[in-house]
Amino acid sequence: MRITSPRPMALVVAATASLLALGACSEAAGDSDIGNADELVIDTKNGPVSVPRNPERVVVLDNTAMETVRDLGVDPVALPKPLLPREGFAEWVTDTDILDVGNHREPNLEIVSEAAPDLIIGGHRFEEFTSELESIAPVIDIAPDDTSEEGYVAGLRSQTLALGEIFDATDEAEALVAELDAAIDAAKAATAGETVFLAVASGNVIDNGAGRIGRIIEPLNLIDVFNSEDLDADSVHQDSGLAPETIAQADPDWVIVLDRDAATTAAAESTPARELMAAQEAFRDTTFMTQDQVIYLHPFFYTREGIHAYTEAYQQIAEAFGG
């Protein structure tokens, strides 16, 4: 592991944020005084796990943690390079000293073993491999989860603070959480009960993406124009059969679009979400098109999904609705 200086970020300083951070860090890390002074105990989805403080060799498998780990000044010894967004991680992708674990569908766990990690940050797309990875090194699954009691966004906070404690970068972690909270507060203040369609561009089709991004509007004053309570996160991979005419008839005030194709398909093989939206004849006279009330999430939101991506999404919403 190589420690580098964290990249500049806007620090949001507030006493309340500090109190929140300290409380959440305590919840995320559990009793840090347990065991060796060079270790701490982290609460994970699989129970408390003892991990080394400031580990030297780290394998990062969970895409939701990658930007956070990078901002905390840590370079991994191995990661799934095919899952990295095509922008923002060139140094990791091209660094031959960072081993490539491969895609989560057929990961090369021997590469993980070869990297000789002190810690493995698992979870999310690699969740099913946790037991095998535990035979190599301590594994922490602290990825945000829709099914947790406090929800996905709260999971982003606890994940970030736990990583900050592990890598002795609590100030940087608390600043990331404060940025997220400030963005949420701004977006909440800018929204006032408007209706919204949560869309996904997948397979060059516009469909219902609430199963993947419905969590975004949970803390906001927005109403999903369709009842999406029965959708799960995997619905983003499926065709729900929601016709453009049905969307137009519902005539939501706003649309928020996740461009899954942009994140997972070669540019030559996919049509940008903005073009797909404009090509729908049924949308021509809708409120969201005539009023230019469509928000397009970052093109690689689907492969990011960490605290940075959500902070940016809330900033987009606050700016769009506030404008």
Protein backbone atom coordinates (compact mmCIF):
# COMPACT_ATOMS: atom_id res chain seq x y z
CA MET A 1 0.00 0.00 0.00
CA ARG A 2 1.22 3.47 -0.87
CA ILE A 3 -0.03 6.39 1.18
CA THR A 4 -0.59 9.58 -0.78
CA SER A 5 -2.00 12.92 0.17
CA PRO A 6 -5.80 13.00 -0.05
CA ARG A 7 -7.07 15.09 -2.94
CA PRO A 8 -8.50 18.54 -2.06
CA MET A 9 -12.11 18.56 -0.98
CA ALA A 10 -14.52 21.12 0.32
CA LEU A 11 -14.57 20.80 4.08
CA VAL A 12 -17.83 21.52 5.80
CA VAL A 13 -17.18 22.37 9.40
CA ALA A 14 -19.99 22.31 11.90
CA ALA A 15 -20.25 21.26 15.50
CA THR A 16 -23.32 19.17 14.83
CA ALA A 17 -21.54 17.33 12.02
CA SER A 18 -18.64 16.55 14.30
CA LEU A 19 -20.97 15.16 16.96
CA LEU A 20 -22.76 13.06 14.33
CA ALA A 21 -19.45 11.79 13.00
CA LEU A 22 -18.16 10.80 16.41
CA GLY A 23 -21.40 9.01 17.27
CA ALA A 24 -21.58 7.18 13.96
CA CYS A 25 -17.91 6.24 14.14
CA SER A 26 -18.50 4.67 17.52
CA GLU A 27 -21.39 2.65 16.08
CA ALA A 28 -19.43 1.65 12.99
CA ALA A 29 -16.26 0.59 14.75
CA GLY A 30 -17.69 -0.90 17.90
CA ASP A 31 -15.41 -1.08 20.93
CA SER A 32 -11.99 -0.15 19.53
CA ASP A 33 -10.30 -1.03 22.83
CA ILE A 34 -11.04 -4.72 22.40
CA GLY A 35 -7.95 -6.87 21.72
CA ASN A 36 -4.56 -5.73 20.51
CA ALA A 37 -3.80 -2.00 20.52
CA ASP A 38 -2.81 -2.36 16.85
CA GLU A 39 -6.26 -3.67 15.98
CA LEU A 40 -9.82 -2.44 16.17
CA VAL A 41 -13.18 -4.12 15.94
CA ILE A 42 -15.51 -3.15 13.09
CA ASP A 43 -19.21 -4.00 13.01
CA THR A 44 -19.99 -5.63 9.67
CA LYS A 45 -22.96 -7.39 8.09
CA ASN A 46 -21.41 -10.65 9.26
CA GLY A 47 -20.77 -9.52 12.81
CA PRO A 48 -17.80 -7.86 14.55
CA VAL A 49 -14.47 -8.31 12.76
CA SER A 50 -11.04 -7.53 14.22
CA VAL A 51 -8.92 -5.65 11.68
CA PRO A 52 -5.43 -4.10 11.77
CA ARG A 53 -5.13 -0.37 12.23
CA ASN A 54 -3.82 1.37 9.13
CA PRO A 55 -3.23 -1.92 7.26
CA GLU A 56 -0.30 -2.02 4.88
CA ARG A 57 -1.83 -4.19 2.14
CA VAL A 58 -5.49 -3.71 1.26
CA VAL A 59 -7.66 -5.41 -1.35
CA VAL A 60 -10.71 -3.31 -2.27
CA LEU A 61 -13.54 -5.26 -3.91
CA ASP A 62 -16.55 -3.11 -3.02
CA ASN A 63 -17.11 -0.41 -5.64
CA THR A 64 -19.03 1.77 -3.18
CA ALA A 65 -15.83 2.13 -1.11
CA MET A 66 -13.33 2.79 -3.89
CA GLU A 67 -13.58 6.58 -4.11
CA THR A 68 -13.59 6.86 -0.33
CA VAL A 69 -10.47 4.71 0.02
CA ARG A 70 -8.78 6.79 -2.67
CA ASP A 71 -9.65 10.04 -0.87
CA LEU A 72 -8.32 8.66 2.39
CA GLY A 73 -4.93 8.33 0.72
CA VAL A 74 -4.81 4.57 0.20
CA ASP A 75 -3.74 2.67 -2.91
CA PRO A 76 -4.94 -0.96 -2.93
CA VAL A 77 -2.75 -3.94 -3.79
CA ALA A 78 -5.58 -5.56 -5.78
CA LEU A 79 -9.06 -4.68 -7.00
CA PRO A 80 -11.57 -5.61 -9.73
CA LYS A 81 -10.38 -3.29 -12.48
CA PRO A 82 -13.28 -4.08 -14.87
CA LEU A 83 -15.67 -2.56 -12.30
CA LEU A 84 -13.85 0.75 -12.09
CA PRO A 85 -15.53 3.69 -13.86
CA ARG A 86 -13.84 4.52 -17.15
CA GLU A 87 -12.98 7.96 -15.76
CA GLY A 88 -11.28 8.96 -12.52
CA PHE A 89 -9.25 5.82 -11.84
CA ALA A 90 -6.70 5.78 -14.66
CA GLU A 91 -3.78 5.62 -12.21
CA TRP A 92 -5.15 2.46 -10.62
CA VAL A 93 -6.13 0.82 -13.90
CA THR A 94 -2.72 1.32 -15.50
CA ASP A 95 -0.64 0.55 -12.40
CA THR A 96 0.73 -2.96 -12.91
CA ASP A 97 1.61 -3.16 -9.21
CA ILE A 98 -2.12 -3.18 -8.47
CA LEU A 99 -3.35 -6.68 -9.32
CA ASP A 100 -6.60 -7.22 -11.21
CA VAL A 101 -9.11 -9.51 -9.50
CA GLY A 102 -11.44 -9.43 -12.52
CA ASN A 103 -15.19 -9.09 -12.79
CA HIS A 104 -17.40 -9.98 -9.82
CA ARG A 105 -19.21 -12.63 -11.86
CA GLU A 106 -16.02 -14.70 -12.26
CA PRO A 107 -13.44 -13.21 -9.88
CA ASN A 108 -9.95 -14.67 -9.62
CA LEU A 109 -9.65 -15.27 -5.90
CA GLU A 110 -6.14 -16.65 -6.39
CA ILE A 111 -5.10 -13.12 -7.33
CA VAL A 112 -6.50 -11.91 -4.01
CA SER A 113 -4.39 -14.51 -2.23
CA GLU A 114 -1.34 -13.59 -4.30
CA ALA A 115 -1.71 -9.96 -3.19
CA ALA A 116 -1.17 -11.12 0.43
CA PRO A 117 -3.59 -8.58 1.93
CA ASP A 118 -3.82 -7.56 5.57
CA LEU A 119 -7.44 -6.53 4.96
CA ILE A 120 -10.11 -7.19 2.32
CA ILE A 121 -12.91 -4.68 1.84
CA GLY A 122 -15.64 -6.90 0.45
CA GLY A 123 -19.38 -6.71 0.17
CA HIS A 124 -21.85 -5.51 -2.45
CA ARG A 125 -21.11 -7.33 -5.72
CA PHE A 126 -18.62 -9.67 -3.99
CA GLU A 127 -20.88 -10.55 -1.08
CA GLU A 128 -21.30 -14.21 -2.11
CA PHE A 129 -17.54 -14.76 -1.92
CA THR A 130 -17.13 -13.55 1.67
CA SER A 131 -16.59 -16.98 3.21
CA GLU A 132 -13.89 -17.88 0.66
CA LEU A 133 -12.16 -14.54 1.12
CA GLU A 134 -12.12 -14.95 4.90
CA SER A 135 -9.65 -17.82 4.45
CA ILE A 136 -7.20 -15.30 2.96
CA ALA A 137 -7.46 -12.30 5.30
CA PRO A 138 -9.98 -10.44 7.50
CA VAL A 139 -12.96 -9.34 5.39
CA ILE A 140 -15.21 -6.42 6.20
CA ASP A 141 -18.57 -6.02 4.50
CA ILE A 142 -19.64 -2.52 5.46
CA ALA A 143 -21.26 -1.59 2.15
CA PRO A 144 -24.45 0.51 2.35
CA ASP A 145 -27.57 -1.60 2.08
CA ASP A 146 -31.23 -0.85 1.27
CA THR A 147 -32.36 -3.58 3.65
CA SER A 148 -30.66 -2.15 6.72
CA GLU A 149 -32.83 -0.53 9.34
CA GLU A 150 -31.58 2.99 8.66
CA GLY A 151 -31.35 2.61 4.88
CA TYR A 152 -28.73 3.07 2.18
CA VAL A 153 -27.85 6.72 2.75
CA ALA A 154 -27.22 6.16 6.44
CA GLY A 155 -25.05 3.23 5.40
CA LEU A 156 -22.89 5.59 3.36
CA ARG A 157 -22.16 7.58 6.51
CA SER A 158 -21.24 4.61 8.69
CA GLN A 159 -19.14 3.03 5.92
CA THR A 160 -17.16 6.24 5.42
CA LEU A 161 -16.54 6.80 9.11
CA ALA A 162 -15.46 3.19 9.67
CA LEU A 163 -12.96 3.45 6.81
CA GLY A 164 -11.70 6.72 8.26
CA GLU A 165 -11.00 5.05 11.57
CA ILE A 166 -9.29 2.04 9.98
CA PHE A 167 -6.95 4.21 7.91
CA ASP A 168 -6.31 6.86 10.56
CA ALA A 169 -8.09 9.50 8.46
CA THR A 170 -11.04 10.46 10.61
CA ASP A 171 -10.90 14.15 9.69
CA GLU A 172 -11.14 13.36 5.97
CA ALA A 173 -13.96 10.87 6.56
CA GLU A 174 -15.93 13.31 8.69
CA ALA A 175 -15.55 15.96 5.99
CA LEU A 176 -17.01 13.60 3.37
CA VAL A 177 -19.98 12.86 5.63
CA ALA A 178 -20.51 16.57 6.30
CA GLU A 179 -20.51 17.25 2.55
CA LEU A 180 -23.16 14.57 2.04
CA ASP A 181 -25.34 15.93 4.83
CA ALA A 182 -25.06 19.49 3.53
CA ALA A 183 -26.08 18.34 0.06
CA ILE A 184 -29.07 16.41 1.43
CA ASP A 185 -30.20 19.41 3.49
CA ALA A 186 -29.98 21.66 0.43
CA ALA A 187 -31.90 19.21 -1.76
CA LYS A 188 -34.56 18.72 0.90
CA ALA A 189 -35.02 22.46 1.27
CA ALA A 190 -35.33 22.88 -2.51
CA THR A 191 -38.02 20.22 -2.98
CA ALA A 192 -41.66 20.71 -2.04
CA GLY A 193 -43.74 17.63 -2.84
CA GLU A 194 -43.17 17.55 -6.60
CA THR A 195 -43.81 14.28 -8.44
CA VAL A 196 -40.86 12.47 -10.00
CA PHE A 197 -40.26 9.50 -12.28
CA LEU A 198 -37.11 7.56 -11.43
CA ALA A 199 -35.85 6.30 -14.78
CA VAL A 200 -33.11 3.95 -15.95
CA ALA A 201 -31.58 3.80 -19.42
CA SER A 202 -30.83 0.11 -19.87
CA GLY A 203 -30.64 -1.88 -23.09
CA ASN A 204 -31.22 1.37 -24.99
CA VAL A 205 -34.68 1.58 -23.40
CA ILE A 206 -36.10 3.99 -20.80
CA ASP A 207 -37.68 2.04 -17.97
CA ASN A 208 -38.46 2.22 -14.27
CA GLY A 209 -35.24 2.58 -12.25
CA ALA A 210 -36.80 3.02 -8.81
CA GLY A 211 -35.39 -0.32 -7.72
CA ARG A 212 -31.92 1.17 -7.94
CA ILE A 213 -32.28 4.88 -7.26
CA GLY A 214 -35.50 5.13 -5.25
CA ARG A 215 -33.27 5.52 -2.19
CA ILE A 216 -32.16 8.94 -3.46
CA ILE A 217 -35.52 10.58 -2.83
CA GLU A 218 -36.17 8.98 0.57
CA PRO A 219 -34.88 11.97 2.58
CA LEU A 220 -36.37 14.52 0.15
CA ASN A 221 -39.75 16.16 -0.34
CA LEU A 222 -40.45 14.30 -3.60
CA ILE A 223 -43.14 11.80 -4.57
CA ASP A 224 -42.46 8.84 -6.85
CA VAL A 225 -45.16 9.06 -9.51
CA PHE A 226 -45.35 5.27 -9.58
CA ASN A 227 -45.73 3.08 -6.52
CA SER A 228 -42.35 1.31 -6.50
CA GLU A 229 -42.44 -0.25 -3.06
CA ASP A 230 -42.41 -3.77 -4.50
CA LEU A 231 -39.34 -3.21 -6.67
CA ASP A 232 -35.99 -4.54 -5.48
CA ALA A 233 -32.54 -3.39 -6.54
CA ASP A 234 -32.31 -6.13 -9.16
CA SER A 235 -35.20 -4.59 -11.10
CA VAL A 236 -32.66 -2.28 -12.75
CA HIS A 237 -31.50 -5.31 -14.74
CA GLN A 238 -34.99 -6.19 -15.96
CA ASP A 239 -37.58 -4.86 -18.38
CA SER A 240 -40.59 -3.93 -16.28
CA GLY A 241 -42.62 -3.30 -19.43
CA LEU A 242 -43.36 0.29 -18.47
CA ALA A 243 -44.32 1.91 -21.77
CA PRO A 244 -43.34 5.50 -22.63
CA GLU A 245 -47.04 6.28 -23.05
CA THR A 246 -47.69 5.18 -19.46
CA ILE A 247 -44.96 7.48 -18.21
CA ALA A 248 -46.30 10.35 -20.28
CA GLN A 249 -49.83 9.78 -19.00
CA ALA A 250 -48.56 9.97 -15.40
CA ASP A 251 -46.92 13.28 -16.40
CA PRO A 252 -44.50 13.66 -13.50
CA ASP A 253 -43.11 17.10 -12.75
CA TRP A 254 -39.52 15.83 -12.87
CA VAL A 255 -37.50 12.86 -14.05
CA ILE A 256 -34.23 11.61 -12.54
CA VAL A 257 -32.31 9.32 -14.90
CA LEU A 258 -29.74 6.63 -14.14
CA ASP A 259 -27.78 5.80 -17.31
CA ARG A 260 -26.85 2.17 -16.68
CA ASP A 261 -25.78 1.67 -20.30
CA ALA A 262 -23.20 4.45 -20.02
CA ALA A 263 -21.57 2.71 -17.08
CA THR A 264 -21.64 -0.87 -18.33
CA THR A 265 -21.64 -0.78 -22.15
CA ALA A 266 -19.08 0.37 -24.68
CA ALA A 267 -19.91 3.87 -25.88
CA ALA A 268 -20.33 2.65 -29.47
CA GLU A 269 -22.97 0.14 -28.35
CA SER A 270 -25.19 2.39 -26.27
CA THR A 271 -27.29 5.47 -26.83
CA PRO A 272 -26.82 8.22 -24.21
CA ALA A 273 -29.79 8.59 -21.88
CA ARG A 274 -30.29 12.19 -22.95
CA GLU A 275 -30.77 11.07 -26.57
CA LEU A 276 -33.10 8.25 -25.56
CA MET A 277 -35.28 10.66 -23.60
CA ALA A 278 -35.41 13.13 -26.49
CA ALA A 279 -36.33 10.35 -28.94
CA GLN A 280 -39.51 9.36 -27.08
CA GLU A 281 -42.40 10.84 -29.05
CA ALA A 282 -44.71 10.15 -26.13
CA PHE A 283 -42.67 12.51 -23.95
CA ARG A 284 -42.92 15.49 -26.29
CA ASP A 285 -45.71 17.35 -24.46
CA THR A 286 -44.97 16.21 -20.92
CA THR A 287 -44.25 18.64 -18.13
CA PHE A 288 -40.73 17.32 -17.55
CA MET A 289 -39.72 17.72 -21.20
CA THR A 290 -41.39 21.04 -21.97
CA GLN A 291 -40.08 22.54 -18.73
CA ASP A 292 -36.62 20.95 -19.12
CA GLN A 293 -37.01 19.21 -15.76
CA VAL A 294 -34.86 16.13 -16.29
CA ILE A 295 -31.83 15.38 -14.12
CA TYR A 296 -29.20 13.03 -15.52
CA LEU A 297 -27.06 11.41 -12.85
CA HIS A 298 -23.32 11.07 -13.41
CA PRO A 299 -22.71 8.67 -16.36
CA PHE A 300 -20.88 6.23 -14.08
CA PHE A 301 -23.23 6.51 -11.12
CA TYR A 302 -24.16 2.83 -11.48
CA THR A 303 -20.58 1.65 -10.96
CA ARG A 304 -19.79 4.24 -8.29
CA GLU A 305 -22.74 4.33 -5.85
CA GLY A 306 -20.60 5.54 -2.97
CA ILE A 307 -20.75 8.67 -0.84
CA HIS A 308 -19.22 10.84 -3.59
CA ALA A 309 -21.84 9.81 -6.15
CA TYR A 310 -24.72 10.48 -3.76
CA THR A 311 -23.33 13.80 -2.63
CA GLU A 312 -23.12 14.88 -6.27
CA ALA A 313 -26.67 13.65 -6.93
CA TYR A 314 -28.09 15.69 -4.07
CA GLN A 315 -26.11 18.72 -5.21
CA GLN A 316 -27.61 18.28 -8.70
CA ILE A 317 -31.11 18.08 -7.28
CA ALA A 318 -30.63 21.11 -5.04
CA GLU A 319 -29.31 23.17 -7.97
CA ALA A 320 -32.00 22.02 -10.41
CA PHE A 321 -34.94 22.57 -8.08
CA GLY A 322 -33.49 25.70 -6.54
CA GLY A 323 -32.90 27.25 -9.95
